[in-house]
C-alpha atoms as a PDB file:
ATOM      1  CA  MET A   1       0.000   0.000   0.000  1.00  0.00           C
ATOM      2  CA  ILE A   2       1.251   3.497  -0.871  1.00  0.00           C
ATOM      3  CA  ILE A   3       0.824   5.739   2.169  1.00  0.00           C
ATOM      4  CA  GLY A   4       1.221   9.504   2.389  1.00  0.00           C
ATOM      5  CA  VAL A   5       1.932  10.996   5.823  1.00  0.00           C
ATOM      6  CA  ILE A   6       1.469  14.744   6.294  1.00  0.00           C
ATOM      7  CA  GLY A   7       3.814  15.997   9.012  1.00  0.00           C
ATOM      8  CA  ALA A   8       7.210  14.777  10.257  1.00  0.00           C
ATOM      9  CA  GLY A   9       6.650  15.130  13.984  1.00  0.00           C
ATOM     10  CA  ILE A  10       7.053  12.192  16.343  1.00  0.00           C
ATOM     11  CA  ALA A  11       3.544  10.836  15.658  1.00  0.00           C
ATOM     12  CA  GLY A  12       3.976  10.856  11.879  1.00  0.00           C
ATOM     13  CA  LEU A  13       7.509   9.470  12.003  1.00  0.00           C
ATOM     14  CA  THR A  14       6.496   6.666  14.374  1.00  0.00           C
ATOM     15  CA  ALA A  15       3.563   5.526  12.254  1.00  0.00           C
ATOM     16  CA  ALA A  16       5.600   5.831   9.066  1.00  0.00           C
ATOM     17  CA  ARG A  17       8.519   3.816  10.420  1.00  0.00           C
ATOM     18  CA  LYS A  18       6.405   0.909  11.638  1.00  0.00           C
ATOM     19  CA  LEU A  19       4.394   0.751   8.419  1.00  0.00           C
ATOM     20  CA  ALA A  20       7.519   1.014   6.254  1.00  0.00           C
ATOM     21  CA  LEU A  21       9.351  -1.683   8.213  1.00  0.00           C
ATOM     22  CA  ALA A  22       6.378  -3.980   7.592  1.00  0.00           C
ATOM     23  CA  GLY A  23       6.727  -3.446   3.844  1.00  0.00           C
ATOM     24  CA  HIS A  24       4.364  -0.588   2.995  1.00  0.00           C
ATOM     25  CA  GLU A  25       5.609   2.198   0.724  1.00  0.00           C
ATOM     26  CA  VAL A  26       5.539   5.308   2.912  1.00  0.00           C
ATOM     27  CA  THR A  27       6.349   8.937   2.100  1.00  0.00           C
ATOM     28  CA  ILE A  28       6.269  11.770   4.641  1.00  0.00           C
ATOM     29  CA  PHE A  29       5.543  15.310   3.473  1.00  0.00           C
ATOM     30  CA  GLU A  30       6.987  17.968   5.784  1.00  0.00           C
ATOM     31  CA  LYS A  31       6.451  21.671   5.142  1.00  0.00           C
ATOM     32  CA  SER A  32       9.660  22.695   6.959  1.00  0.00           C
ATOM     33  CA  ASN A  33      13.213  21.445   6.510  1.00  0.00           C
ATOM     34  CA  GLY A  34      13.397  19.656   9.869  1.00  0.00           C
ATOM     35  CA  LEU A  35      12.290  16.469  11.587  1.00  0.00           C
ATOM     36  CA  GLY A  36      10.692  15.765  14.935  1.00  0.00           C
ATOM     37  CA  GLY A  37       8.357  18.722  15.397  1.00  0.00           C
ATOM     38  CA  ARG A  38       8.913  20.081  18.909  1.00  0.00           C
ATOM     39  CA  MET A  39      11.781  17.631  19.410  1.00  0.00           C
ATOM     40  CA  ALA A  40      13.859  20.447  18.001  1.00  0.00           C
ATOM     41  CA  THR A  41      17.481  21.581  18.190  1.00  0.00           C
ATOM     42  CA  ARG A  42      18.895  24.932  17.114  1.00  0.00           C
ATOM     43  CA  TYR A  43      22.474  25.106  15.801  1.00  0.00           C
ATOM     44  CA  ALA A  44      24.248  28.375  16.573  1.00  0.00           C
ATOM     45  CA  GLY A  45      27.699  29.929  16.778  1.00  0.00           C
ATOM     46  CA  GLU A  46      30.118  30.810  14.001  1.00  0.00           C
ATOM     47  CA  GLN A  47      30.738  27.134  13.248  1.00  0.00           C
ATOM     48  CA  LEU A  48      27.157  26.103  14.067  1.00  0.00           C
ATOM     49  CA  ASP A  49      28.691  23.941  16.791  1.00  0.00           C
ATOM     50  CA  ILE A  50      26.492  25.061  19.684  1.00  0.00           C
ATOM     51  CA  LYS A  51      23.393  22.872  20.033  1.00  0.00           C
ATOM     52  CA  THR A  52      20.359  24.141  21.896  1.00  0.00           C
ATOM     53  CA  ASP A  53      17.150  22.182  22.479  1.00  0.00           C
ATOM     54  CA  HIS A  54      14.493  24.822  21.978  1.00  0.00           C
ATOM     55  CA  GLY A  55      11.416  22.588  21.887  1.00  0.00           C
ATOM     56  CA  ALA A  56      10.826  19.726  24.302  1.00  0.00           C
ATOM     57  CA  PRO A  57      13.806  19.845  26.712  1.00  0.00           C
ATOM     58  CA  CYS A  58      13.388  16.254  27.898  1.00  0.00           C
ATOM     59  CA  PHE A  59      10.813  13.471  28.188  1.00  0.00           C
ATOM     60  CA  THR A  60       9.652  10.670  30.445  1.00  0.00           C
ATOM     61  CA  ALA A  61       8.491   7.146  29.586  1.00  0.00           C
ATOM     62  CA  ARG A  62       5.540   5.688  31.475  1.00  0.00           C
ATOM     63  CA  SER A  63       3.889   3.217  29.095  1.00  0.00           C
ATOM     64  CA  GLU A  64       5.485  -0.122  28.292  1.00  0.00           C
ATOM     65  CA  GLU A  65       5.419   0.634  24.552  1.00  0.00           C
ATOM     66  CA  PHE A  66       7.242   3.936  24.930  1.00  0.00           C
ATOM     67  CA  ARG A  67       9.736   2.481  27.415  1.00  0.00           C
ATOM     68  CA  GLN A  68      10.659  -0.124  24.798  1.00  0.00           C
ATOM     69  CA  PHE A  69      11.340   2.655  22.284  1.00  0.00           C
ATOM     70  CA  VAL A  70      13.394   4.619  24.815  1.00  0.00           C
ATOM     71  CA  ASP A  71      15.419   1.459  25.521  1.00  0.00           C
ATOM     72  CA  GLU A  72      16.110   1.287  21.783  1.00  0.00           C
ATOM     73  CA  LEU A  73      17.291   4.907  21.836  1.00  0.00           C
ATOM     74  CA  LEU A  74      19.509   4.241  24.868  1.00  0.00           C
ATOM     75  CA  LYS A  75      21.004   1.143  23.247  1.00  0.00           C
ATOM     76  CA  ASN A  76      21.869   3.104  20.099  1.00  0.00           C
ATOM     77  CA  GLY A  77      23.344   6.077  21.955  1.00  0.00           C
ATOM     78  CA  ILE A  78      20.583   8.440  20.817  1.00  0.00           C
ATOM     79  CA  ALA A  79      19.220   9.146  24.305  1.00  0.00           C
ATOM     80  CA  ASP A  80      20.496   9.221  27.876  1.00  0.00           C
ATOM     81  CA  VAL A  81      19.165   9.965  31.350  1.00  0.00           C
ATOM     82  CA  TRP A  82      19.424  13.657  32.266  1.00  0.00           C
ATOM     83  CA  ALA A  83      17.882  13.740  35.756  1.00  0.00           C
ATOM     84  CA  ASP A  84      15.169  12.134  37.860  1.00  0.00           C
ATOM     85  CA  HIS A  85      13.746  15.431  39.101  1.00  0.00           C
ATOM     86  CA  PHE A  86      14.293  19.192  38.830  1.00  0.00           C
ATOM     87  CA  PRO A  87      14.158  22.087  41.294  1.00  0.00           C
ATOM     88  CA  TYR A  88      10.815  23.876  41.413  1.00  0.00           C
ATOM     89  CA  PHE A  89      10.141  27.596  41.808  1.00  0.00           C
ATOM     90  CA  THR A  90       6.886  27.974  43.732  1.00  0.00           C
ATOM     91  CA  GLY A  91       6.434  31.656  42.986  1.00  0.00           C
ATOM     92  CA  GLU A  92       8.220  32.557  46.203  1.00  0.00           C
ATOM     93  CA  MET A  93      11.083  30.107  46.682  1.00  0.00           C
ATOM     94  CA  ILE A  94      12.957  27.274  44.966  1.00  0.00           C
ATOM     95  CA  LEU A  95      12.243  23.780  46.295  1.00  0.00           C
ATOM     96  CA  GLU A  96      14.317  20.675  45.624  1.00  0.00           C
ATOM     97  CA  LYS A  97      11.482  19.300  43.467  1.00  0.00           C
ATOM     98  CA  HIS A  98       7.832  19.803  42.596  1.00  0.00           C
ATOM     99  CA  PRO A  99       5.794  18.172  45.389  1.00  0.00           C
ATOM    100  CA  ASP A 100       3.291  16.603  42.986  1.00  0.00           C
ATOM    101  CA  ILE A 101       5.632  15.364  40.243  1.00  0.00           C
ATOM    102  CA  PRO A 102       7.069  11.854  40.793  1.00  0.00           C
ATOM    103  CA  VAL A 103      10.773  11.106  40.783  1.00  0.00           C
ATOM    104  CA  GLU A 104      11.424   9.280  37.505  1.00  0.00           C
ATOM    105  CA  PRO A 105      14.028   9.279  34.718  1.00  0.00           C
ATOM    106  CA  HIS A 106      13.910  12.308  32.437  1.00  0.00           C
ATOM    107  CA  TYR A 107      15.625  11.548  29.138  1.00  0.00           C
ATOM    108  CA  PHE A 108      17.377  13.771  26.621  1.00  0.00           C
ATOM    109  CA  ALA A 109      19.420  13.367  23.442  1.00  0.00           C
ATOM    110  CA  PRO A 110      23.116  14.260  23.923  1.00  0.00           C
ATOM    111  CA  GLY A 111      23.467  15.008  20.216  1.00  0.00           C
ATOM    112  CA  GLY A 112      20.371  17.215  20.232  1.00  0.00           C
ATOM    113  CA  MET A 113      16.708  16.329  20.589  1.00  0.00           C
ATOM    114  CA  ASN A 114      16.267  16.448  16.812  1.00  0.00           C
ATOM    115  CA  LYS A 115      18.430  13.310  16.597  1.00  0.00           C
ATOM    116  CA  ILE A 116      15.404  11.297  17.698  1.00  0.00           C
ATOM    117  CA  GLY A 117      13.407  12.453  14.696  1.00  0.00           C
ATOM    118  CA  LYS A 118      16.367  11.771  12.429  1.00  0.00           C
ATOM    119  CA  TYR A 119      16.677   8.280  13.871  1.00  0.00           C
ATOM    120  CA  LEU A 120      13.002   7.503  13.230  1.00  0.00           C
ATOM    121  CA  SER A 121      13.256   8.811   9.660  1.00  0.00           C
ATOM    122  CA  ARG A 122      15.961   6.351   8.605  1.00  0.00           C
ATOM    123  CA  TRP A 123      13.413   3.871   7.274  1.00  0.00           C
ATOM    124  CA  VAL A 124      11.117   6.221   5.368  1.00  0.00           C
ATOM    125  CA  ASP A 125      11.195   8.676   2.474  1.00  0.00           C
ATOM    126  CA  VAL A 126      10.843  12.248   3.765  1.00  0.00           C
ATOM    127  CA  ARG A 127      10.193  15.152   1.408  1.00  0.00           C
ATOM    128  CA  PHE A 128      11.026  18.485   2.993  1.00  0.00           C
ATOM    129  CA  ASN A 129       9.569  21.895   2.138  1.00  0.00           C
ATOM    130  CA  ALA A 130       6.486  20.074   0.836  1.00  0.00           C
ATOM    131  CA  LYS A 131       3.482  22.183   1.810  1.00  0.00           C
ATOM    132  CA  VAL A 132       0.219  20.272   1.514  1.00  0.00           C
ATOM    133  CA  ASN A 133      -2.885  22.355   0.803  1.00  0.00           C
ATOM    134  CA  GLY A 134      -5.423  19.547   1.024  1.00  0.00           C
ATOM    135  CA  PHE A 135      -6.396  16.221  -0.490  1.00  0.00           C
ATOM    136  CA  THR A 136      -9.067  14.828  -2.772  1.00  0.00           C
ATOM    137  CA  TYR A 137     -10.971  11.578  -2.372  1.00  0.00           C
ATOM    138  CA  LEU A 138     -10.749   9.492  -5.548  1.00  0.00           C
ATOM    139  CA  GLY A 139     -12.082   6.175  -4.308  1.00  0.00           C
ATOM    140  CA  ASP A 140     -15.388   6.303  -6.162  1.00  0.00           C
ATOM    141  CA  LYS A 141     -13.799   7.255  -9.486  1.00  0.00           C
ATOM    142  CA  ALA A 142     -13.439   4.035 -11.463  1.00  0.00           C
ATOM    143  CA  HIS A 143     -10.623   5.325 -13.683  1.00  0.00           C
ATOM    144  CA  LYS A 144      -8.414   6.129 -10.678  1.00  0.00           C
ATOM    145  CA  LYS A 145      -6.092   3.488  -9.232  1.00  0.00           C
ATOM    146  CA  ARG A 146      -5.581   5.194  -5.861  1.00  0.00           C
ATOM    147  CA  ASN A 147      -7.988   6.347  -3.146  1.00  0.00           C
ATOM    148  CA  TRP A 148      -6.565   9.795  -2.436  1.00  0.00           C
ATOM    149  CA  MET A 149      -4.818  12.630  -4.240  1.00  0.00           C
ATOM    150  CA  ILE A 150      -2.634  14.914  -2.105  1.00  0.00           C
ATOM    151  CA  ASN A 151      -2.522  18.502  -3.371  1.00  0.00           C
ATOM    152  CA  PHE A 152       0.583  20.639  -2.818  1.00  0.00           C
ATOM    153  CA  SER A 153       1.060  24.410  -2.766  1.00  0.00           C
ATOM    154  CA  ASP A 154       3.193  24.265  -5.933  1.00  0.00           C
ATOM    155  CA  PHE A 155       0.165  22.743  -7.742  1.00  0.00           C
ATOM    156  CA  SER A 156       1.755  19.295  -7.944  1.00  0.00           C
ATOM    157  CA  VAL A 157      -0.182  16.237  -6.782  1.00  0.00           C
ATOM    158  CA  MET A 158       0.493  12.696  -5.626  1.00  0.00           C
ATOM    159  CA  GLU A 159      -1.947   9.796  -5.581  1.00  0.00           C
ATOM    160  CA  VAL A 160      -1.821   7.428  -2.603  1.00  0.00           C
ATOM    161  CA  ASP A 161      -3.810   4.513  -1.237  1.00  0.00           C
ATOM    162  CA  ALA A 162      -3.929   5.912   2.286  1.00  0.00           C
ATOM    163  CA  VAL A 163      -3.367   9.255   3.977  1.00  0.00           C
ATOM    164  CA  ILE A 164      -2.308  10.038   7.551  1.00  0.00           C
ATOM    165  CA  VAL A 165      -2.583  13.599   8.840  1.00  0.00           C
ATOM    166  CA  ALA A 166       0.034  14.022  11.592  1.00  0.00           C
ATOM    167  CA  THR A 167      -0.076  17.764  12.240  1.00  0.00           C
ATOM    168  CA  PRO A 168      -1.331  19.853  15.183  1.00  0.00           C
ATOM    169  CA  ALA A 169      -5.127  19.815  15.337  1.00  0.00           C
ATOM    170  CA  PRO A 170      -5.683  23.349  13.925  1.00  0.00           C
ATOM    171  CA  GLN A 171      -3.513  22.528  10.902  1.00  0.00           C
ATOM    172  CA  ALA A 172      -5.327  19.220  10.424  1.00  0.00           C
ATOM    173  CA  TYR A 173      -8.587  21.168  10.545  1.00  0.00           C
ATOM    174  CA  GLY A 174      -7.331  23.454   7.764  1.00  0.00           C
ATOM    175  CA  LEU A 175      -6.276  20.534   5.578  1.00  0.00           C
ATOM    176  CA  ILE A 176      -9.650  18.862   5.913  1.00  0.00           C
ATOM    177  CA  GLU A 177     -11.441  22.147   5.259  1.00  0.00           C
ATOM    178  CA  ASN A 178      -9.450  22.433   2.023  1.00  0.00           C
ATOM    179  CA  ALA A 179     -10.195  18.843   1.001  1.00  0.00           C
ATOM    180  CA  GLN A 180     -11.879  18.852  -2.384  1.00  0.00           C
ATOM    181  CA  ASP A 181     -15.236  17.127  -2.774  1.00  0.00           C
ATOM    182  CA  GLU A 182     -17.323  16.019   0.182  1.00  0.00           C
ATOM    183  CA  THR A 183     -14.856  13.505   1.590  1.00  0.00           C
ATOM    184  CA  PRO A 184     -15.911  11.245   4.465  1.00  0.00           C
ATOM    185  CA  PHE A 185     -13.072  12.901   6.390  1.00  0.00           C
ATOM    186  CA  LYS A 186     -15.054  16.077   6.922  1.00  0.00           C
ATOM    187  CA  TRP A 187     -17.223  14.689   9.713  1.00  0.00           C
ATOM    188  CA  ILE A 188     -14.117  14.796  11.908  1.00  0.00           C
ATOM    189  CA  ILE A 189     -13.982  18.597  11.729  1.00  0.00           C
ATOM    190  CA  ARG A 190     -16.498  19.136  14.500  1.00  0.00           C
ATOM    191  CA  ASN A 191     -14.355  16.999  16.820  1.00  0.00           C
ATOM    192  CA  ILE A 192     -10.909  18.467  16.236  1.00  0.00           C
ATOM    193  CA  ASP A 193     -12.301  21.998  16.184  1.00  0.00           C
ATOM    194  CA  THR A 194     -12.579  21.711  19.964  1.00  0.00           C
ATOM    195  CA  ILE A 195      -8.810  21.217  20.411  1.00  0.00           C
ATOM    196  CA  SER A 196      -6.819  24.312  21.363  1.00  0.00           C
ATOM    197  CA  TYR A 197      -3.125  24.783  22.101  1.00  0.00           C
ATOM    198  CA  GLN A 198      -0.965  26.736  24.510  1.00  0.00           C
ATOM    199  CA  PRO A 199       1.585  29.001  22.788  1.00  0.00           C
ATOM    200  CA  CYS A 200       5.115  29.471  24.094  1.00  0.00           C
ATOM    201  CA  TYR A 201       8.153  31.651  23.549  1.00  0.00           C
ATOM    202  CA  THR A 202      11.523  29.920  23.748  1.00  0.00           C
ATOM    203  CA  LEU A 203      14.525  32.134  24.430  1.00  0.00           C
ATOM    204  CA  MET A 204      18.021  30.743  23.864  1.00  0.00           C
ATOM    205  CA  VAL A 205      20.817  32.716  25.541  1.00  0.00           C
ATOM    206  CA  ASN A 206      24.572  32.170  25.207  1.00  0.00           C
ATOM    207  CA  LEU A 207      26.430  33.554  28.225  1.00  0.00           C
ATOM    208  CA  GLY A 208      29.849  32.697  26.810  1.00  0.00           C
ATOM    209  CA  ASN A 209      32.410  31.662  29.434  1.00  0.00           C
ATOM    210  CA  GLN A 210      30.270  32.807  32.345  1.00  0.00           C
ATOM    211  CA  PRO A 211      30.196  30.034  34.991  1.00  0.00           C
ATOM    212  CA  ALA A 212      27.310  27.663  34.419  1.00  0.00           C
ATOM    213  CA  PRO A 213      24.622  27.318  37.104  1.00  0.00           C
ATOM    214  CA  GLU A 214      24.767  24.222  39.295  1.00  0.00           C
ATOM    215  CA  TRP A 215      21.183  23.236  38.495  1.00  0.00           C
ATOM    216  CA  LYS A 216      20.187  21.329  35.358  1.00  0.00           C
ATOM    217  CA  ALA A 217      16.804  22.993  35.010  1.00  0.00           C
ATOM    218  CA  ILE A 218      14.151  24.733  37.081  1.00  0.00           C
ATOM    219  CA  GLN A 219      10.424  24.156  36.700  1.00  0.00           C
ATOM    220  CA  CYS A 220       8.662  27.448  37.311  1.00  0.00           C
ATOM    221  CA  ASN A 221       5.341  28.593  38.697  1.00  0.00           C
ATOM    222  CA  HIS A 222       5.762  32.160  37.473  1.00  0.00           C
ATOM    223  CA  LYS A 223       3.563  34.517  35.500  1.00  0.00           C
ATOM    224  CA  SER A 224       6.171  34.696  32.708  1.00  0.00           C
ATOM    225  CA  LEU A 225       8.144  31.430  32.865  1.00  0.00           C
ATOM    226  CA  ARG A 226       7.472  27.725  33.060  1.00  0.00           C
ATOM    227  CA  TRP A 227      11.025  26.382  32.523  1.00  0.00           C
ATOM    228  CA  ILE A 228      14.677  27.444  32.690  1.00  0.00           C
ATOM    229  CA  GLY A 229      17.114  24.877  31.297  1.00  0.00           C
ATOM    230  CA  ASN A 230      20.894  24.693  31.623  1.00  0.00           C
ATOM    231  CA  GLU A 231      22.192  23.266  28.331  1.00  0.00           C
ATOM    232  CA  ALA A 232      25.713  22.991  29.777  1.00  0.00           C
ATOM    233  CA  THR A 233      24.507  19.931  31.705  1.00  0.00           C
ATOM    234  CA  LYS A 234      23.512  18.214  28.458  1.00  0.00           C
ATOM    235  CA  ARG A 235      26.597  18.813  26.331  1.00  0.00           C
ATOM    236  CA  ARG A 236      29.782  20.878  26.421  1.00  0.00           C
ATOM    237  CA  ASN A 237      28.975  23.299  23.576  1.00  0.00           C
ATOM    238  CA  ASN A 238      32.648  24.308  23.363  1.00  0.00           C
ATOM    239  CA  GLY A 239      32.639  25.665  26.887  1.00  0.00           C
ATOM    240  CA  ASN A 240      29.740  28.055  26.327  1.00  0.00           C
ATOM    241  CA  THR A 241      27.111  28.463  29.022  1.00  0.00           C
ATOM    242  CA  VAL A 242      23.741  28.368  27.279  1.00  0.00           C
ATOM    243  CA  ILE A 243      20.369  28.588  28.981  1.00  0.00           C
ATOM    244  CA  VAL A 244      16.961  27.957  27.432  1.00  0.00           C
ATOM    245  CA  VAL A 245      13.929  29.775  28.768  1.00  0.00           C
ATOM    246  CA  GLN A 246      10.379  28.583  28.091  1.00  0.00           C
ATOM    247  CA  SER A 247       7.651  31.146  28.682  1.00  0.00           C
ATOM    248  CA  SER A 248       4.260  30.550  30.219  1.00  0.00           C
ATOM    249  CA  ALA A 249       1.271  30.353  27.888  1.00  0.00           C
ATOM    250  CA  ALA A 250      -0.144  33.506  29.469  1.00  0.00           C
ATOM    251  CA  PHE A 251       3.048  35.431  28.715  1.00  0.00           C
ATOM    252  CA  ALA A 252       3.169  34.168  25.124  1.00  0.00           C
ATOM    253  CA  SER A 253      -0.431  35.206  24.531  1.00  0.00           C
ATOM    254  CA  ALA A 254       0.094  38.634  26.077  1.00  0.00           C
ATOM    255  CA  TYR A 255       3.302  39.325  24.122  1.00  0.00           C
ATOM    256  CA  ILE A 256       2.284  37.712  20.832  1.00  0.00           C
ATOM    257  CA  ASN A 257       2.533  41.025  18.952  1.00  0.00           C
ATOM    258  CA  SER A 258       5.578  42.379  20.811  1.00  0.00           C
ATOM    259  CA  ASN A 259       8.989  42.816  19.209  1.00  0.00           C
ATOM    260  CA  VAL A 260      11.934  40.507  19.874  1.00  0.00           C
ATOM    261  CA  SER A 261      13.820  42.901  22.155  1.00  0.00           C
ATOM    262  CA  GLU A 262      10.785  43.504  24.370  1.00  0.00           C
ATOM    263  CA  VAL A 263      10.058  39.789  24.764  1.00  0.00           C
ATOM    264  CA  THR A 264      13.729  39.001  25.389  1.00  0.00           C
ATOM    265  CA  ARG A 265      14.127  41.728  27.994  1.00  0.00           C
ATOM    266  CA  SER A 266      11.004  40.648  29.882  1.00  0.00           C
ATOM    267  CA  LEU A 267      12.014  36.985  29.967  1.00  0.00           C
ATOM    268  CA  LEU A 268      15.563  37.750  31.123  1.00  0.00           C
ATOM    269  CA  MET A 269      14.203  39.929  33.928  1.00  0.00           C
ATOM    270  CA  ALA A 270      12.137  36.955  35.082  1.00  0.00           C
ATOM    271  CA  VAL A 271      15.200  34.684  34.931  1.00  0.00           C
ATOM    272  CA  LYS A 272      17.118  37.083  37.177  1.00  0.00           C
ATOM    273  CA  GLU A 273      14.174  37.332  39.566  1.00  0.00           C
ATOM    274  CA  ILE A 274      14.034  33.547  39.990  1.00  0.00           C
ATOM    275  CA  THR A 275      17.712  32.549  39.855  1.00  0.00           C
ATOM    276  CA  GLY A 276      19.731  35.713  40.407  1.00  0.00           C
ATOM    277  CA  LEU A 277      21.465  34.985  37.102  1.00  0.00           C
ATOM    278  CA  ASP A 278      22.263  38.166  35.159  1.00  0.00           C
ATOM    279  CA  ALA A 279      21.856  37.334  31.469  1.00  0.00           C
ATOM    280  CA  SER A 280      21.322  40.908  30.313  1.00  0.00           C
ATOM    281  CA  LYS A 281      24.514  40.994  28.219  1.00  0.00           C
ATOM    282  CA  PRO A 282      24.676  37.678  26.371  1.00  0.00           C
ATOM    283  CA  VAL A 283      27.084  36.778  23.575  1.00  0.00           C
ATOM    284  CA  TRP A 284      23.945  36.158  21.556  1.00  0.00           C
ATOM    285  CA  SER A 285      20.304  35.324  22.057  1.00  0.00           C
ATOM    286  CA  GLN A 286      17.654  33.834  19.786  1.00  0.00           C
ATOM    287  CA  LEU A 287      13.891  33.796  20.174  1.00  0.00           C
ATOM    288  CA  HIS A 288      11.453  31.227  18.801  1.00  0.00           C
ATOM    289  CA  PHE A 289       7.652  31.276  18.999  1.00  0.00           C
ATOM    290  CA  TRP A 290       5.747  28.005  19.274  1.00  0.00           C
ATOM    291  CA  LYS A 291       2.151  28.523  18.235  1.00  0.00           C
ATOM    292  CA  TYR A 292       1.225  24.934  19.107  1.00  0.00           C
ATOM    293  CA  ARG A 293       3.335  24.161  22.184  1.00  0.00           C
ATOM    294  CA  ASN A 294       0.958  21.874  24.088  1.00  0.00           C
ATOM    295  CA  PRO A 295      -2.688  20.903  23.587  1.00  0.00           C
ATOM    296  CA  ARG A 296      -4.932  22.330  26.299  1.00  0.00           C
ATOM    297  CA  ASN A 297      -7.381  19.475  25.855  1.00  0.00           C
ATOM    298  CA  VAL A 298      -7.178  16.087  24.157  1.00  0.00           C
ATOM    299  CA  MET A 299      -9.376  13.663  22.251  1.00  0.00           C
ATOM    300  CA  PRO A 300     -10.078  10.164  23.591  1.00  0.00           C
ATOM    301  CA  GLY A 301      -8.308   7.186  22.074  1.00  0.00           C
ATOM    302  CA  TYR A 302      -5.073   7.227  20.123  1.00  0.00           C
ATOM    303  CA  PHE A 303      -6.270   8.304  16.663  1.00  0.00           C
ATOM    304  CA  VAL A 304      -9.394   8.890  14.618  1.00  0.00           C
ATOM    305  CA  GLU A 305     -10.523   7.470  11.267  1.00  0.00           C
ATOM    306  CA  PRO A 306     -13.576   8.205   9.101  1.00  0.00           C
ATOM    307  CA  VAL A 307     -16.391   5.920  10.196  1.00  0.00           C
ATOM    308  CA  GLU A 308     -17.274   3.011   7.903  1.00  0.00           C
ATOM    309  CA  HIS A 309     -15.027   4.121   5.103  1.00  0.00           C
ATOM    310  CA  ALA A 310     -13.042   1.747   2.905  1.00  0.00           C
ATOM    311  CA  ALA A 311     -10.301   4.200   1.900  1.00  0.00           C
ATOM    312  CA  PRO A 312      -7.674   4.222   4.678  1.00  0.00           C
ATOM    313  CA  ALA A 313      -7.264   7.627   6.330  1.00  0.00           C
ATOM    314  CA  ALA A 314      -6.540   8.818   9.852  1.00  0.00           C
ATOM    315  CA  LEU A 315      -5.565  11.688  12.121  1.00  0.00           C
ATOM    316  CA  ILE A 316      -2.828  11.218  14.729  1.00  0.00           C
ATOM    317  CA  GLY A 317      -0.894  13.488  17.067  1.00  0.00           C
ATOM    318  CA  ASP A 318      -0.124  14.540  20.620  1.00  0.00           C
ATOM    319  CA  TYR A 319      -3.711  15.712  21.066  1.00  0.00           C
ATOM    320  CA  PHE A 320      -4.860  12.106  21.489  1.00  0.00           C
ATOM    321  CA  GLY A 321      -4.720  10.049  24.681  1.00  0.00           C
ATOM    322  CA  GLU A 322      -3.723  10.898  28.237  1.00  0.00           C
ATOM    323  CA  ALA A 323       0.079  10.655  28.045  1.00  0.00           C
ATOM    324  CA  ASP A 324       2.336  13.705  28.067  1.00  0.00           C
ATOM    325  CA  GLY A 325       3.848  15.414  25.024  1.00  0.00           C
ATOM    326  CA  VAL A 326       6.346  13.209  23.246  1.00  0.00           C
ATOM    327  CA  GLU A 327       4.923   9.981  24.636  1.00  0.00           C
ATOM    328  CA  SER A 328       1.361  10.775  23.547  1.00  0.00           C
ATOM    329  CA  ALA A 329       2.572  11.556  20.020  1.00  0.00           C
ATOM    330  CA  TYR A 330       4.556   8.310  19.882  1.00  0.00           C
ATOM    331  CA  LEU A 331       1.663   6.183  21.138  1.00  0.00           C
ATOM    332  CA  SER A 332      -0.753   7.811  18.694  1.00  0.00           C
ATOM    333  CA  GLY A 333       1.424   6.937  15.715  1.00  0.00           C
ATOM    334  CA  LEU A 334       2.258   3.473  17.026  1.00  0.00           C
ATOM    335  CA  LYS A 335      -1.334   2.441  17.762  1.00  0.00           C
ATOM    336  CA  LEU A 336      -2.568   3.540  14.340  1.00  0.00           C
ATOM    337  CA  ALA A 337       0.243   1.653  12.602  1.00  0.00           C
ATOM    338  CA  GLU A 338      -0.512  -1.490  14.602  1.00  0.00           C
ATOM    339  CA  GLN A 339      -4.190  -1.360  13.641  1.00  0.00           C
ATOM    340  CA  TRP A 340      -3.406  -0.759   9.982  1.00  0.00           C
ATOM    341  CA  LEU A 341      -0.968  -3.663   9.896  1.00  0.00           C
ATOM    342  CA  ASP A 342      -3.789  -5.901  11.118  1.00  0.00           C
ATOM    343  CA  LYS A 343      -6.253  -4.492   8.566  1.00  0.00           C
ATOM    344  CA  TYR A 344      -3.859  -4.104   5.626  1.00  0.00           C
ATOM    345  CA  PRO A 345      -1.126  -6.767   5.881  1.00  0.00           C
ATOM    346  CA  VAL A 346       1.757  -6.771   3.425  1.00  0.00           C
ATOM    347  CA  ILE A 347       2.586  -9.995   1.616  1.00  0.00           C
ATOM    348  CA  LYS A 348       6.362  -9.564   1.527  1.00  0.00           C
ATOM    349  CA  GLU A 349       9.354  -9.850   3.811  1.00  0.00           C
ATOM    350  CA  PRO A 350       9.388  -7.077   6.435  1.00  0.00           C
ATOM    351  CA  VAL A 351      12.480  -4.938   6.938  1.00  0.00           C
ATOM    352  CA  THR A 352      14.589  -5.646  10.032  1.00  0.00           C
ATOM    353  CA  ILE A 353      16.153  -2.928  12.169  1.00  0.00           C
END
């Protein structure tokens, strides 16, 4: 079966890998030039030798399925344990840890969090800078061999047997809205239209040879910040002290139309308030805005398919299930792939890892 996956985040990559390893012909279409979605790493410095995780800083593994994948990453040197807890700023003081968050391994990728996406992509064909505008259902057209036609912004098209939409819910909504003809997919719109996301500013700051803080990261209950990470505890970065600041959703919403210098100044003031660290004169700083940082609410189950429809199609992503962030995205992609392998088996030798 020829399968088109829209989006190269963890959900899309996970589904694509499992289906491709089983023998399906899978192509991922990614509108950017990167892999992994919020498992993102920024390369900076004159030699681009300073790596900064500006999306998800780390992840946990609570389900058996995701623990097996993390074990695979550990075995292959892609991931490692960073810490089992982090200090917590209550709004008034810094505690050793958050009182309600369990002590458990928090994993990271020493080579950069984007290495996880790159690892998953090894078994599939990924086409970058491929912006999908929508898709057309062809299943009832006798002269067509495939069920779906994917339509791209450059007016090119590709026919596939199955389509998987692995984007944030608002983007999936837009793709379905742009679907030509009255596809059976459109009934899903009323469900995903209820999903909203928290935005976030990520500020990356290089403090040069300034001594690195002793802490690895601080979880924050602050009007402006939710996280301060010390990248020096992940990798050396040529001796540079780099911190990563994640804003609160309230701050990101309030400053969404502000300029870079205003946002940067406000976030650094909050960092100093919490830690005492003066980062007002960095070697460099970079700001990134995440429009879809975390879903505020989720849909039940792991994925959704059009009801009673013969042409394979599905939506997956981190807005399904009850797991957190990276794990929910992984489980969404995995569970869909497992169901499709039962429904659409491949009569050929599977690929081995």
